[in-house]
């Protein structure tokens, strides 16, 4: 299920990966991707706090790597192999934030297209 906004995010991530390659810290990719979003005039917020509700109690402490246009959660990783919990993390963020679309982008892959996973609720 492709849409224009997620395609723009993926295009920006591919550009960052093309220039920097794999193997750097996640924080470097986050900074570079934010700069690429700025250059492409893609609205975003960085390190957005979200709350989880448990039986009526609000629990703080989670942060989204990036929230693009208040619509798409982008979770960044820089690992050789993603843990199984990475997908569950994105899904839980989507539910907690009440959003429908998310991207998990692993800059640790030699080919970034192999490290992109889309999520929708």
PDB file of N, CA and C in Angstrom:
ATOM      1  N   UNK A   1       0.835  -1.170   0.000  1.00  0.00           N
ATOM      2  CA  UNK A   1       0.000   0.000   0.000  1.00  0.00           C
ATOM      3  C   UNK A   1       0.891   1.249   0.000  1.00  0.00           C
ATOM      4  N   UNK A   2       1.291   1.680  -1.150  1.00  0.00           N
ATOM      5  CA  UNK A   2       2.157   2.846  -1.274  1.00  0.00           C
ATOM      6  C   UNK A   2       1.319   4.116  -1.289  1.00  0.00           C
ATOM      7  N   UNK A   3       1.871   5.170  -0.736  1.00  0.00           N
ATOM      8  CA  UNK A   3       1.238   6.471  -0.833  1.00  0.00           C
ATOM      9  C   UNK A   3       2.339   7.500  -1.030  1.00  0.00           C
ATOM     10  N   UNK A   4       1.945   8.690  -1.426  1.00  0.00           N
ATOM     11  CA  UNK A   4       2.913   9.718  -1.794  1.00  0.00           C
ATOM     12  C   UNK A   4       3.841  10.085  -0.631  1.00  0.00           C
ATOM     13  N   UNK A   5       3.282  10.250   0.564  1.00  0.00           N
ATOM     14  CA  UNK A   5       4.089  10.664   1.707  1.00  0.00           C
ATOM     15  C   UNK A   5       5.133   9.615   2.076  1.00  0.00           C
ATOM     16  N   UNK A   6       4.726   8.345   2.177  1.00  0.00           N
ATOM     17  CA  UNK A   6       5.714   7.317   2.525  1.00  0.00           C
ATOM     18  C   UNK A   6       6.747   7.159   1.413  1.00  0.00           C
ATOM     19  N   UNK A   7       6.345   7.353   0.171  1.00  0.00           N
ATOM     20  CA  UNK A   7       7.304   7.294  -0.935  1.00  0.00           C
ATOM     21  C   UNK A   7       8.329   8.419  -0.821  1.00  0.00           C
ATOM     22  N   UNK A   8       7.884   9.611  -0.387  1.00  0.00           N
ATOM     23  CA  UNK A   8       8.815  10.725  -0.195  1.00  0.00           C
ATOM     24  C   UNK A   8       9.809  10.414   0.930  1.00  0.00           C
ATOM     25  N   UNK A   9       9.315   9.823   2.009  1.00  0.00           N
ATOM     26  CA  UNK A   9      10.182   9.454   3.132  1.00  0.00           C
ATOM     27  C   UNK A   9      11.203   8.422   2.684  1.00  0.00           C
ATOM     28  N   UNK A  10      10.743   7.411   1.964  1.00  0.00           N
ATOM     29  CA  UNK A  10      11.643   6.358   1.494  1.00  0.00           C
ATOM     30  C   UNK A  10      12.680   6.939   0.529  1.00  0.00           C
ATOM     31  N   UNK A  11      12.262   7.826  -0.361  1.00  0.00           N
ATOM     32  CA  UNK A  11      13.198   8.458  -1.287  1.00  0.00           C
ATOM     33  C   UNK A  11      14.282   9.228  -0.552  1.00  0.00           C
ATOM     34  N   UNK A  12      13.894   9.951   0.489  1.00  0.00           N
ATOM     35  CA  UNK A  12      14.867  10.695   1.286  1.00  0.00           C
ATOM     36  C   UNK A  12      15.825   9.740   2.001  1.00  0.00           C
ATOM     37  N   UNK A  13      15.293   8.644   2.547  1.00  0.00           N
ATOM     38  CA  UNK A  13      16.134   7.662   3.240  1.00  0.00           C
ATOM     39  C   UNK A  13      17.113   6.998   2.283  1.00  0.00           C
ATOM     40  N   UNK A  14      16.655   6.699   1.077  1.00  0.00           N
ATOM     41  CA  UNK A  14      17.542   6.089   0.082  1.00  0.00           C
ATOM     42  C   UNK A  14      18.676   7.047  -0.275  1.00  0.00           C
ATOM     43  N   UNK A  15      18.383   8.331  -0.377  1.00  0.00           N
ATOM     44  CA  UNK A  15      19.420   9.322  -0.663  1.00  0.00           C
ATOM     45  C   UNK A  15      20.451   9.373   0.464  1.00  0.00           C
ATOM     46  N   UNK A  16      19.994   9.361   1.699  1.00  0.00           N
ATOM     47  CA  UNK A  16      20.914   9.360   2.845  1.00  0.00           C
ATOM     48  C   UNK A  16      21.793   8.114   2.805  1.00  0.00           C
ATOM     49  N   UNK A  17      21.193   6.967   2.578  1.00  0.00           N
ATOM     50  CA  UNK A  17      21.944   5.705   2.550  1.00  0.00           C
ATOM     51  C   UNK A  17      22.910   5.674   1.367  1.00  0.00           C
ATOM     52  N   UNK A  18      22.492   6.234   0.245  1.00  0.00           N
ATOM     53  CA  UNK A  18      23.357   6.268  -0.948  1.00  0.00           C
ATOM     54  C   UNK A  18      24.635   7.058  -0.654  1.00  0.00           C
ATOM     55  N   UNK A  19      24.503   8.143   0.078  1.00  0.00           N
ATOM     56  CA  UNK A  19      25.656   8.991   0.364  1.00  0.00           C
ATOM     57  C   UNK A  19      26.488   8.460   1.537  1.00  0.00           C
ATOM     58  N   UNK A  20      25.833   8.039   2.611  1.00  0.00           N
ATOM     59  CA  UNK A  20      26.554   7.630   3.819  1.00  0.00           C
ATOM     60  C   UNK A  20      26.896   6.140   3.861  1.00  0.00           C
ATOM     61  N   UNK A  21      26.087   5.310   3.176  1.00  0.00           N
ATOM     62  CA  UNK A  21      26.304   3.865   3.234  1.00  0.00           C
ATOM     63  C   UNK A  21      25.903   3.304   4.589  1.00  0.00           C
ATOM     64  N   UNK A  22      26.023   1.979   4.762  1.00  0.00           N
ATOM     65  CA  UNK A  22      25.677   1.338   6.028  1.00  0.00           C
ATOM     66  C   UNK A  22      26.819   1.459   7.039  1.00  0.00           C
ATOM     67  N   UNK A  23      26.513   1.177   8.310  1.00  0.00           N
ATOM     68  CA  UNK A  23      27.558   1.010   9.303  1.00  0.00           C
ATOM     69  C   UNK A  23      27.763   2.156  10.273  1.00  0.00           C
ATOM     70  N   UNK A  24      27.001   3.244  10.141  1.00  0.00           N
ATOM     71  CA  UNK A  24      27.140   4.361  11.068  1.00  0.00           C
ATOM     72  C   UNK A  24      26.132   4.235  12.207  1.00  0.00           C
ATOM     73  N   UNK A  25      26.252   5.111  13.175  1.00  0.00           N
ATOM     74  CA  UNK A  25      25.316   5.112  14.298  1.00  0.00           C
ATOM     75  C   UNK A  25      23.936   5.573  13.845  1.00  0.00           C
ATOM     76  N   UNK A  26      22.919   5.051  14.504  1.00  0.00           N
ATOM     77  CA  UNK A  26      21.533   5.436  14.203  1.00  0.00           C
ATOM     78  C   UNK A  26      21.341   6.946  14.307  1.00  0.00           C
ATOM     79  N   UNK A  27      21.975   7.567  15.292  1.00  0.00           N
ATOM     80  CA  UNK A  27      21.816   9.015  15.495  1.00  0.00           C
ATOM     81  C   UNK A  27      22.341   9.820  14.299  1.00  0.00           C
ATOM     82  N   UNK A  28      23.349   9.329  13.629  1.00  0.00           N
ATOM     83  CA  UNK A  28      23.883  10.014  12.445  1.00  0.00           C
ATOM     84  C   UNK A  28      22.874   9.942  11.311  1.00  0.00           C
ATOM     85  N   UNK A  29      22.283   8.771  11.112  1.00  0.00           N
ATOM     86  CA  UNK A  29      21.257   8.641  10.066  1.00  0.00           C
ATOM     87  C   UNK A  29      20.046   9.510  10.382  1.00  0.00           C
ATOM     88  N   UNK A  30      19.681   9.572  11.650  1.00  0.00           N
ATOM     89  CA  UNK A  30      18.538  10.404  12.029  1.00  0.00           C
ATOM     90  C   UNK A  30      18.808  11.871  11.695  1.00  0.00           C
ATOM     91  N   UNK A  31      19.992  12.346  12.059  1.00  0.00           N
ATOM     92  CA  UNK A  31      20.364  13.735  11.772  1.00  0.00           C
ATOM     93  C   UNK A  31      20.387  13.991  10.264  1.00  0.00           C
ATOM     94  N   UNK A  32      20.981  13.080   9.512  1.00  0.00           N
ATOM     95  CA  UNK A  32      21.066  13.245   8.060  1.00  0.00           C
ATOM     96  C   UNK A  32      19.682  13.186   7.410  1.00  0.00           C
ATOM     97  N   UNK A  33      18.833  12.278   7.882  1.00  0.00           N
ATOM     98  CA  UNK A  33      17.492  12.165   7.312  1.00  0.00           C
ATOM     99  C   UNK A  33      16.676  13.422   7.615  1.00  0.00           C
ATOM    100  N   UNK A  34      16.814  13.955   8.804  1.00  0.00           N
ATOM    101  CA  UNK A  34      16.124  15.203   9.136  1.00  0.00           C
ATOM    102  C   UNK A  34      16.588  16.331   8.216  1.00  0.00           C
ATOM    103  N   UNK A  35      17.872  16.387   7.930  1.00  0.00           N
ATOM    104  CA  UNK A  35      18.383  17.410   7.013  1.00  0.00           C
ATOM    105  C   UNK A  35      17.822  17.195   5.612  1.00  0.00           C
ATOM    106  N   UNK A  36      17.736  15.951   5.199  1.00  0.00           N
ATOM    107  CA  UNK A  36      17.172  15.647   3.871  1.00  0.00           C
ATOM    108  C   UNK A  36      15.693  16.026   3.816  1.00  0.00           C
ATOM    109  N   UNK A  37      14.954  15.767   4.890  1.00  0.00           N
ATOM    110  CA  UNK A  37      13.555  16.200   4.950  1.00  0.00           C
ATOM    111  C   UNK A  37      13.474  17.724   4.832  1.00  0.00           C
ATOM    112  N   UNK A  38      14.358  18.416   5.535  1.00  0.00           N
ATOM    113  CA  UNK A  38      14.385  19.883   5.467  1.00  0.00           C
ATOM    114  C   UNK A  38      14.627  20.339   4.025  1.00  0.00           C
ATOM    115  N   UNK A  39      15.616  19.744   3.358  1.00  0.00           N
ATOM    116  CA  UNK A  39      15.936  20.113   1.983  1.00  0.00           C
ATOM    117  C   UNK A  39      14.776  19.842   1.036  1.00  0.00           C
ATOM    118  N   UNK A  40      14.025  18.790   1.308  1.00  0.00           N
ATOM    119  CA  UNK A  40      12.900  18.401   0.447  1.00  0.00           C
ATOM    120  C   UNK A  40      11.571  19.006   0.904  1.00  0.00           C
ATOM    121  N   UNK A  41      11.611  19.821   1.920  1.00  0.00           N
ATOM    122  CA  UNK A  41      10.424  20.478   2.485  1.00  0.00           C
ATOM    123  C   UNK A  41       9.365  19.443   2.876  1.00  0.00           C
ATOM    124  N   UNK A  42       9.816  18.420   3.577  1.00  0.00           N
ATOM    125  CA  UNK A  42       8.928  17.394   4.129  1.00  0.00           C
ATOM    126  C   UNK A  42       8.780  17.716   5.619  1.00  0.00           C
ATOM    127  N   UNK A  43       7.574  18.030   6.075  1.00  0.00           N
ATOM    128  CA  UNK A  43       7.401  18.403   7.488  1.00  0.00           C
ATOM    129  C   UNK A  43       7.612  17.199   8.409  1.00  0.00           C
ATOM    130  N   UNK A  44       8.313  17.444   9.512  1.00  0.00           N
ATOM    131  CA  UNK A  44       8.590  16.349  10.444  1.00  0.00           C
ATOM    132  C   UNK A  44       8.800  16.897  11.843  1.00  0.00           C
ATOM    133  N   UNK A  45       8.671  15.994  12.802  1.00  0.00           N
ATOM    134  CA  UNK A  45       9.039  16.257  14.192  1.00  0.00           C
ATOM    135  C   UNK A  45       9.974  15.140  14.607  1.00  0.00           C
ATOM    136  N   UNK A  46      10.874  15.485  15.500  1.00  0.00           N
ATOM    137  CA  UNK A  46      11.912  14.534  15.905  1.00  0.00           C
ATOM    138  C   UNK A  46      11.768  14.199  17.389  1.00  0.00           C
ATOM    139  N   UNK A  47      11.973  12.923  17.729  1.00  0.00           N
ATOM    140  CA  UNK A  47      11.936  12.452  19.110  1.00  0.00           C
ATOM    141  C   UNK A  47      10.651  12.902  19.826  1.00  0.00           C
ATOM    142  N   UNK A  48       9.527  12.513  19.238  1.00  0.00           N
ATOM    143  CA  UNK A  48       8.207  12.898  19.751  1.00  0.00           C
ATOM    144  C   UNK A  48       7.793  11.951  20.876  1.00  0.00           C
ATOM    145  N   UNK A  49       7.472  12.520  22.028  1.00  0.00           N
ATOM    146  CA  UNK A  49       7.024  11.717  23.167  1.00  0.00           C
ATOM    147  C   UNK A  49       5.598  11.234  22.927  1.00  0.00           C
ATOM    148  N   UNK A  50       5.353   9.956  23.200  1.00  0.00           N
ATOM    149  CA  UNK A  50       3.994   9.422  23.143  1.00  0.00           C
ATOM    150  C   UNK A  50       3.727   8.667  24.442  1.00  0.00           C
ATOM    151  N   UNK A  51       2.480   8.665  24.824  1.00  0.00           N
ATOM    152  CA  UNK A  51       2.077   7.984  26.046  1.00  0.00           C
ATOM    153  C   UNK A  51       1.356   6.690  25.709  1.00  0.00           C
ATOM    154  N   UNK A  52       1.490   5.744  26.591  1.00  0.00           N
ATOM    155  CA  UNK A  52       0.775   4.477  26.494  1.00  0.00           C
ATOM    156  C   UNK A  52      -0.254   4.472  27.617  1.00  0.00           C
ATOM    157  N   UNK A  53      -1.435   3.983  27.298  1.00  0.00           N
ATOM    158  CA  UNK A  53      -2.473   3.894  28.313  1.00  0.00           C
ATOM    159  C   UNK A  53      -2.587   2.440  28.762  1.00  0.00           C
ATOM    160  N   UNK A  54      -2.571   2.249  30.074  1.00  0.00           N
ATOM    161  CA  UNK A  54      -2.734   0.919  30.647  1.00  0.00           C
ATOM    162  C   UNK A  54      -3.803   0.985  31.721  1.00  0.00           C
ATOM    163  N   UNK A  55      -4.963   0.375  31.433  1.00  0.00           N
ATOM    164  CA  UNK A  55      -6.075   0.330  32.374  1.00  0.00           C
ATOM    165  C   UNK A  55      -6.370   1.707  32.957  1.00  0.00           C
ATOM    166  N   UNK A  56      -6.427   2.683  32.075  1.00  0.00           N
ATOM    167  CA  UNK A  56      -6.765   4.029  32.501  1.00  0.00           C
ATOM    168  C   UNK A  56      -5.601   4.847  33.027  1.00  0.00           C
ATOM    169  N   UNK A  57      -4.431   4.243  33.169  1.00  0.00           N
ATOM    170  CA  UNK A  57      -3.248   4.966  33.638  1.00  0.00           C
ATOM    171  C   UNK A  57      -2.375   5.319  32.440  1.00  0.00           C
ATOM    172  N   UNK A  58      -1.965   6.582  32.373  1.00  0.00           N
ATOM    173  CA  UNK A  58      -1.086   7.033  31.296  1.00  0.00           C
ATOM    174  C   UNK A  58       0.358   6.796  31.728  1.00  0.00           C
ATOM    175  N   UNK A  59       1.094   6.096  30.871  1.00  0.00           N
ATOM    176  CA  UNK A  59       2.490   5.780  31.143  1.00  0.00           C
ATOM    177  C   UNK A  59       3.337   6.489  30.093  1.00  0.00           C
ATOM    178  N   UNK A  60       4.205   7.362  30.555  1.00  0.00           N
ATOM    179  CA  UNK A  60       5.076   8.111  29.646  1.00  0.00           C
ATOM    180  C   UNK A  60       6.402   7.378  29.479  1.00  0.00           C
ATOM    181  N   UNK A  61       7.194   7.849  28.526  1.00  0.00           N
ATOM    182  CA  UNK A  61       8.547   7.308  28.417  1.00  0.00           C
ATOM    183  C   UNK A  61       8.932   6.819  27.035  1.00  0.00           C
ATOM    184  N   UNK A  62       7.993   6.721  26.121  1.00  0.00           N
ATOM    185  CA  UNK A  62       8.346   6.293  24.770  1.00  0.00           C
ATOM    186  C   UNK A  62       8.544   7.509  23.881  1.00  0.00           C
ATOM    187  N   UNK A  63       9.442   7.368  22.913  1.00  0.00           N
ATOM    188  CA  UNK A  63       9.696   8.449  21.958  1.00  0.00           C
ATOM    189  C   UNK A  63       9.756   7.870  20.552  1.00  0.00           C
ATOM    190  N   UNK A  64       9.047   8.541  19.661  1.00  0.00           N
ATOM    191  CA  UNK A  64       9.132   8.197  18.246  1.00  0.00           C
ATOM    192  C   UNK A  64      10.399   8.814  17.685  1.00  0.00           C
ATOM    193  N   UNK A  65      11.117   8.093  16.850  1.00  0.00           N
ATOM    194  CA  UNK A  65      12.286   8.695  16.207  1.00  0.00           C
ATOM    195  C   UNK A  65      11.843   9.906  15.396  1.00  0.00           C
ATOM    196  N   UNK A  66      10.903   9.666  14.470  1.00  0.00           N
ATOM    197  CA  UNK A  66      10.409  10.748  13.617  1.00  0.00           C
ATOM    198  C   UNK A  66       8.915  10.606  13.392  1.00  0.00           C
ATOM    199  N   UNK A  67       8.240  11.734  13.338  1.00  0.00           N
ATOM    200  CA  UNK A  67       6.838  11.779  12.961  1.00  0.00           C
ATOM    201  C   UNK A  67       6.758  12.714  11.763  1.00  0.00           C
ATOM    202  N   UNK A  68       6.363  12.178  10.620  1.00  0.00           N
ATOM    203  CA  UNK A  68       6.350  12.943   9.377  1.00  0.00           C
ATOM    204  C   UNK A  68       4.932  13.413   9.083  1.00  0.00           C
ATOM    205  N   UNK A  69       4.796  14.726   8.937  1.00  0.00           N
ATOM    206  CA  UNK A  69       3.521  15.366   8.583  1.00  0.00           C
ATOM    207  C   UNK A  69       2.382  14.959   9.516  1.00  0.00           C
ATOM    208  N   UNK A  70       2.708  14.658  10.766  1.00  0.00           N
ATOM    209  CA  UNK A  70       1.712  14.213  11.756  1.00  0.00           C
ATOM    210  C   UNK A  70       0.925  12.995  11.291  1.00  0.00           C
ATOM    211  N   UNK A  71       1.486  12.223  10.349  1.00  0.00           N
ATOM    212  CA  UNK A  71       0.771  11.081   9.785  1.00  0.00           C
ATOM    213  C   UNK A  71       1.547   9.766   9.802  1.00  0.00           C
ATOM    214  N   UNK A  72       2.854   9.829   9.614  1.00  0.00           N
ATOM    215  CA  UNK A  72       3.651   8.616   9.439  1.00  0.00           C
ATOM    216  C   UNK A  72       4.741   8.538  10.510  1.00  0.00           C
ATOM    217  N   UNK A  73       4.743   7.444  11.251  1.00  0.00           N
ATOM    218  CA  UNK A  73       5.793   7.186  12.229  1.00  0.00           C
ATOM    219  C   UNK A  73       6.962   6.537  11.490  1.00  0.00           C
ATOM    220  N   UNK A  74       8.163   7.057  11.741  1.00  0.00           N
ATOM    221  CA  UNK A  74       9.364   6.490  11.133  1.00  0.00           C
ATOM    222  C   UNK A  74      10.293   6.059  12.261  1.00  0.00           C
ATOM    223  N   UNK A  75      10.543   4.764  12.342  1.00  0.00           N
ATOM    224  CA  UNK A  75      11.449   4.204  13.333  1.00  0.00           C
ATOM    225  C   UNK A  75      12.743   3.832  12.602  1.00  0.00           C
ATOM    226  N   UNK A  76      13.859   4.342  13.102  1.00  0.00           N
ATOM    227  CA  UNK A  76      15.153   4.112  12.464  1.00  0.00           C
ATOM    228  C   UNK A  76      15.976   3.109  13.255  1.00  0.00           C
ATOM    229  N   UNK A  77      16.685   2.284  12.521  1.00  0.00           N
ATOM    230  CA  UNK A  77      17.622   1.331  13.103  1.00  0.00           C
ATOM    231  C   UNK A  77      18.893   1.349  12.255  1.00  0.00           C
ATOM    232  N   UNK A  78      19.980   0.871  12.839  1.00  0.00           N
ATOM    233  CA  UNK A  78      21.221   0.696  12.100  1.00  0.00           C
ATOM    234  C   UNK A  78      21.883  -0.589  12.596  1.00  0.00           C
ATOM    235  N   UNK A  79      21.299  -1.703  12.172  1.00  0.00           N
ATOM    236  CA  UNK A  79      21.716  -3.023  12.652  1.00  0.00           C
ATOM    237  C   UNK A  79      21.924  -3.977  11.479  1.00  0.00           C
ATOM    238  N   UNK A  80      22.793  -4.953  11.676  1.00  0.00           N
ATOM    239  CA  UNK A  80      22.958  -5.979  10.639  1.00  0.00           C
ATOM    240  C   UNK A  80      21.687  -6.789  10.452  1.00  0.00           C
ATOM    241  N   UNK A  81      21.069  -7.115  11.571  1.00  0.00           N
ATOM    242  CA  UNK A  81      19.828  -7.880  11.535  1.00  0.00           C
ATOM    243  C   UNK A  81      18.869  -7.304  12.567  1.00  0.00           C
ATOM    244  N   UNK A  82      17.651  -7.062  12.142  1.00  0.00           N
ATOM    245  CA  UNK A  82      16.664  -6.496  13.052  1.00  0.00           C
ATOM    246  C   UNK A  82      16.154  -7.551  14.018  1.00  0.00           C
ATOM    247  N   UNK A  83      15.981  -7.188  15.283  1.00  0.00           N
ATOM    248  CA  UNK A  83      15.338  -8.128  16.210  1.00  0.00           C
ATOM    249  C   UNK A  83      13.852  -8.216  15.888  1.00  0.00           C
ATOM    250  N   UNK A  84      13.230  -9.313  16.277  1.00  0.00           N
ATOM    251  CA  UNK A  84      11.793  -9.487  16.040  1.00  0.00           C
ATOM    252  C   UNK A  84      10.975  -8.388  16.708  1.00  0.00           C
ATOM    253  N   UNK A  85      11.512  -7.824  17.773  1.00  0.00           N
ATOM    254  CA  UNK A  85      10.776  -6.802  18.507  1.00  0.00           C
ATOM    255  C   UNK A  85      10.672  -5.473  17.751  1.00  0.00           C
ATOM    256  N   UNK A  86      11.481  -5.267  16.720  1.00  0.00           N
ATOM    257  CA  UNK A  86      11.454  -3.988  15.989  1.00  0.00           C
ATOM    258  C   UNK A  86      10.095  -3.751  15.338  1.00  0.00           C
ATOM    259  N   UNK A  87       9.538  -4.772  14.711  1.00  0.00           N
ATOM    260  CA  UNK A  87       8.220  -4.637  14.079  1.00  0.00           C
ATOM    261  C   UNK A  87       7.145  -4.406  15.141  1.00  0.00           C
ATOM    262  N   UNK A  88       7.231  -5.138  16.236  1.00  0.00           N
ATOM    263  CA  UNK A  88       6.259  -4.970  17.319  1.00  0.00           C
ATOM    264  C   UNK A  88       6.339  -3.557  17.893  1.00  0.00           C
ATOM    265  N   UNK A  89       7.527  -2.997  17.940  1.00  0.00           N
ATOM    266  CA  UNK A  89       7.723  -1.638  18.442  1.00  0.00           C
ATOM    267  C   UNK A  89       6.966  -0.633  17.571  1.00  0.00           C
ATOM    268  N   UNK A  90       7.104  -0.758  16.253  1.00  0.00           N
ATOM    269  CA  UNK A  90       6.410   0.161  15.348  1.00  0.00           C
ATOM    270  C   UNK A  90       4.898   0.012  15.499  1.00  0.00           C
ATOM    271  N   UNK A  91       4.417  -1.215  15.556  1.00  0.00           N
ATOM    272  CA  UNK A  91       2.978  -1.441  15.708  1.00  0.00           C
ATOM    273  C   UNK A  91       2.454  -0.862  17.023  1.00  0.00           C
ATOM    274  N   UNK A  92       3.213  -1.019  18.088  1.00  0.00           N
ATOM    275  CA  UNK A  92       2.766  -0.463  19.372  1.00  0.00           C
ATOM    276  C   UNK A  92       2.783   1.064  19.337  1.00  0.00           C
ATOM    277  N   UNK A  93       3.748   1.656  18.652  1.00  0.00           N
ATOM    278  CA  UNK A  93       3.782   3.118  18.492  1.00  0.00           C
ATOM    279  C   UNK A  93       2.559   3.602  17.726  1.00  0.00           C
ATOM    280  N   UNK A  94       2.215   2.890  16.655  1.00  0.00           N
ATOM    281  CA  UNK A  94       1.045   3.277  15.859  1.00  0.00           C
ATOM    282  C   UNK A  94      -0.219   3.260  16.712  1.00  0.00           C
ATOM    283  N   UNK A  95      -0.395   2.197  17.475  1.00  0.00           N
ATOM    284  CA  UNK A  95      -1.579   2.085  18.330  1.00  0.00           C
ATOM    285  C   UNK A  95      -1.600   3.185  19.385  1.00  0.00           C
ATOM    286  N   UNK A  96      -0.466   3.407  20.041  1.00  0.00           N
ATOM    287  CA  UNK A  96      -0.404   4.411  21.109  1.00  0.00           C
ATOM    288  C   UNK A  96      -0.654   5.817  20.568  1.00  0.00           C
ATOM    289  N   UNK A  97      -0.158   6.091  19.367  1.00  0.00           N
ATOM    290  CA  UNK A  97      -0.299   7.427  18.776  1.00  0.00           C
ATOM    291  C   UNK A  97      -1.617   7.598  18.026  1.00  0.00           C
ATOM    292  N   UNK A  98      -2.337   6.501  17.806  1.00  0.00           N
ATOM    293  CA  UNK A  98      -3.596   6.574  17.065  1.00  0.00           C
ATOM    294  C   UNK A  98      -3.386   6.881  15.594  1.00  0.00           C
ATOM    295  N   UNK A  99      -2.268   6.417  15.052  1.00  0.00           N
ATOM    296  CA  UNK A  99      -1.954   6.654  13.640  1.00  0.00           C
ATOM    297  C   UNK A  99      -2.071   5.361  12.843  1.00  0.00           C
ATOM    298  N   UNK A 100      -2.101   5.503  11.523  1.00  0.00           N
ATOM    299  CA  UNK A 100      -2.366   4.358  10.653  1.00  0.00           C
ATOM    300  C   UNK A 100      -1.145   3.840   9.888  1.00  0.00           C
ATOM    301  N   UNK A 101      -0.117   4.694   9.696  1.00  0.00           N
ATOM    302  CA  UNK A 101       1.010   4.297   8.839  1.00  0.00           C
ATOM    303  C   UNK A 101       2.343   4.460   9.553  1.00  0.00           C
ATOM    304  N   UNK A 102       3.216   3.496   9.298  1.00  0.00           N
ATOM    305  CA  UNK A 102       4.550   3.551   9.878  1.00  0.00           C
ATOM    306  C   UNK A 102       5.574   2.933   8.948  1.00  0.00           C
ATOM    307  N   UNK A 103       6.813   3.369   9.124  1.00  0.00           N
ATOM    308  CA  UNK A 103       7.936   2.808   8.373  1.00  0.00           C
ATOM    309  C   UNK A 103       9.028   2.423   9.356  1.00  0.00           C
ATOM    310  N   UNK A 104       9.594   1.261   9.140  1.00  0.00           N
ATOM    311  CA  UNK A 104      10.780   0.817   9.874  1.00  0.00           C
ATOM    312  C   UNK A 104      11.912   0.818   8.859  1.00  0.00           C
ATOM    313  N   UNK A 105      12.920   1.645   9.097  1.00  0.00           N
ATOM    314  CA  UNK A 105      14.014   1.789   8.144  1.00  0.00           C
ATOM    315  C   UNK A 105      15.305   1.384   8.828  1.00  0.00           C
ATOM    316  N   UNK A 106      15.930   0.328   8.299  1.00  0.00           N
ATOM    317  CA  UNK A 106      17.182  -0.178   8.855  1.00  0.00           C
ATOM    318  C   UNK A 106      18.349   0.222   7.947  1.00  0.00           C
ATOM    319  N   UNK A 107      19.100   1.230   8.380  1.00  0.00           N
ATOM    320  CA  UNK A 107      20.241   1.712   7.606  1.00  0.00           C
ATOM    321  C   UNK A 107      21.424   0.755   7.663  1.00  0.00           C
ATOM    322  N   UNK A 108      21.329  -0.319   8.430  1.00  0.00           N
ATOM    323  CA  UNK A 108      22.401  -1.293   8.520  1.00  0.00           C
ATOM    324  C   UNK A 108      22.477  -2.250   7.341  1.00  0.00           C
ATOM    325  N   UNK A 109      21.472  -2.240   6.491  1.00  0.00           N
ATOM    326  CA  UNK A 109      21.446  -3.123   5.321  1.00  0.00           C
ATOM    327  C   UNK A 109      22.370  -2.590   4.219  1.00  0.00           C
ATOM    328  N   UNK A 110      23.070  -3.489   3.517  1.00  0.00           N
ATOM    329  CA  UNK A 110      23.891  -3.045   2.386  1.00  0.00           C
ATOM    330  C   UNK A 110      23.063  -2.350   1.298  1.00  0.00           C
ATOM    331  N   UNK A 111      21.845  -2.870   1.054  1.00  0.00           N
ATOM    332  CA  UNK A 111      20.897  -2.233   0.125  1.00  0.00           C
ATOM    333  C   UNK A 111      19.705  -1.783   0.957  1.00  0.00           C
ATOM    334  N   UNK A 112      19.472  -0.489   0.999  1.00  0.00           N
ATOM    335  CA  UNK A 112      18.427   0.020   1.886  1.00  0.00           C
ATOM    336  C   UNK A 112      17.050  -0.547   1.562  1.00  0.00           C
ATOM    337  N   UNK A 113      16.776  -0.822   0.296  1.00  0.00           N
ATOM    338  CA  UNK A 113      15.455  -1.362  -0.059  1.00  0.00           C
ATOM    339  C   UNK A 113      15.165  -2.655   0.696  1.00  0.00           C
ATOM    340  N   UNK A 114      16.209  -3.385   1.086  1.00  0.00           N
ATOM    341  CA  UNK A 114      16.024  -4.614   1.862  1.00  0.00           C
ATOM    342  C   UNK A 114      15.746  -4.317   3.337  1.00  0.00           C
ATOM    343  N   UNK A 115      15.952  -3.068   3.754  1.00  0.00           N
ATOM    344  CA  UNK A 115      15.789  -2.708   5.148  1.00  0.00           C
ATOM    345  C   UNK A 115      14.573  -1.834   5.422  1.00  0.00           C
ATOM    346  N   UNK A 116      13.636  -1.767   4.467  1.00  0.00           N
ATOM    347  CA  UNK A 116      12.449  -0.930   4.650  1.00  0.00           C
ATOM    348  C   UNK A 116      11.221  -1.815   4.815  1.00  0.00           C
ATOM    349  N   UNK A 117      10.510  -1.590   5.892  1.00  0.00           N
ATOM    350  CA  UNK A 117       9.264  -2.314   6.128  1.00  0.00           C
ATOM    351  C   UNK A 117       8.158  -1.291   6.356  1.00  0.00           C
ATOM    352  N   UNK A 118       7.020  -1.524   5.683  1.00  0.00           N
ATOM    353  CA  UNK A 118       5.846  -0.648   5.821  1.00  0.00           C
ATOM    354  C   UNK A 118       4.848  -1.293   6.760  1.00  0.00           C
ATOM    355  N   UNK A 119       4.170  -0.442   7.519  1.00  0.00           N
ATOM    356  CA  UNK A 119       3.130  -0.908   8.427  1.00  0.00           C
ATOM    357  C   UNK A 119       1.892  -0.051   8.253  1.00  0.00           C
ATOM    358  N   UNK A 120       0.739  -0.692   8.355  1.00  0.00           N
ATOM    359  CA  UNK A 120      -0.513   0.074   8.351  1.00  0.00           C
ATOM    360  C   UNK A 120      -1.525  -0.649   9.217  1.00  0.00           C
ATOM    361  N   UNK A 121      -2.318   0.125   9.911  1.00  0.00           N
ATOM    362  CA  UNK A 121      -3.360  -0.445  10.779  1.00  0.00           C
ATOM    363  C   UNK A 121      -4.719  -0.264  10.126  1.00  0.00           C
TER     364      UNK A 121
END
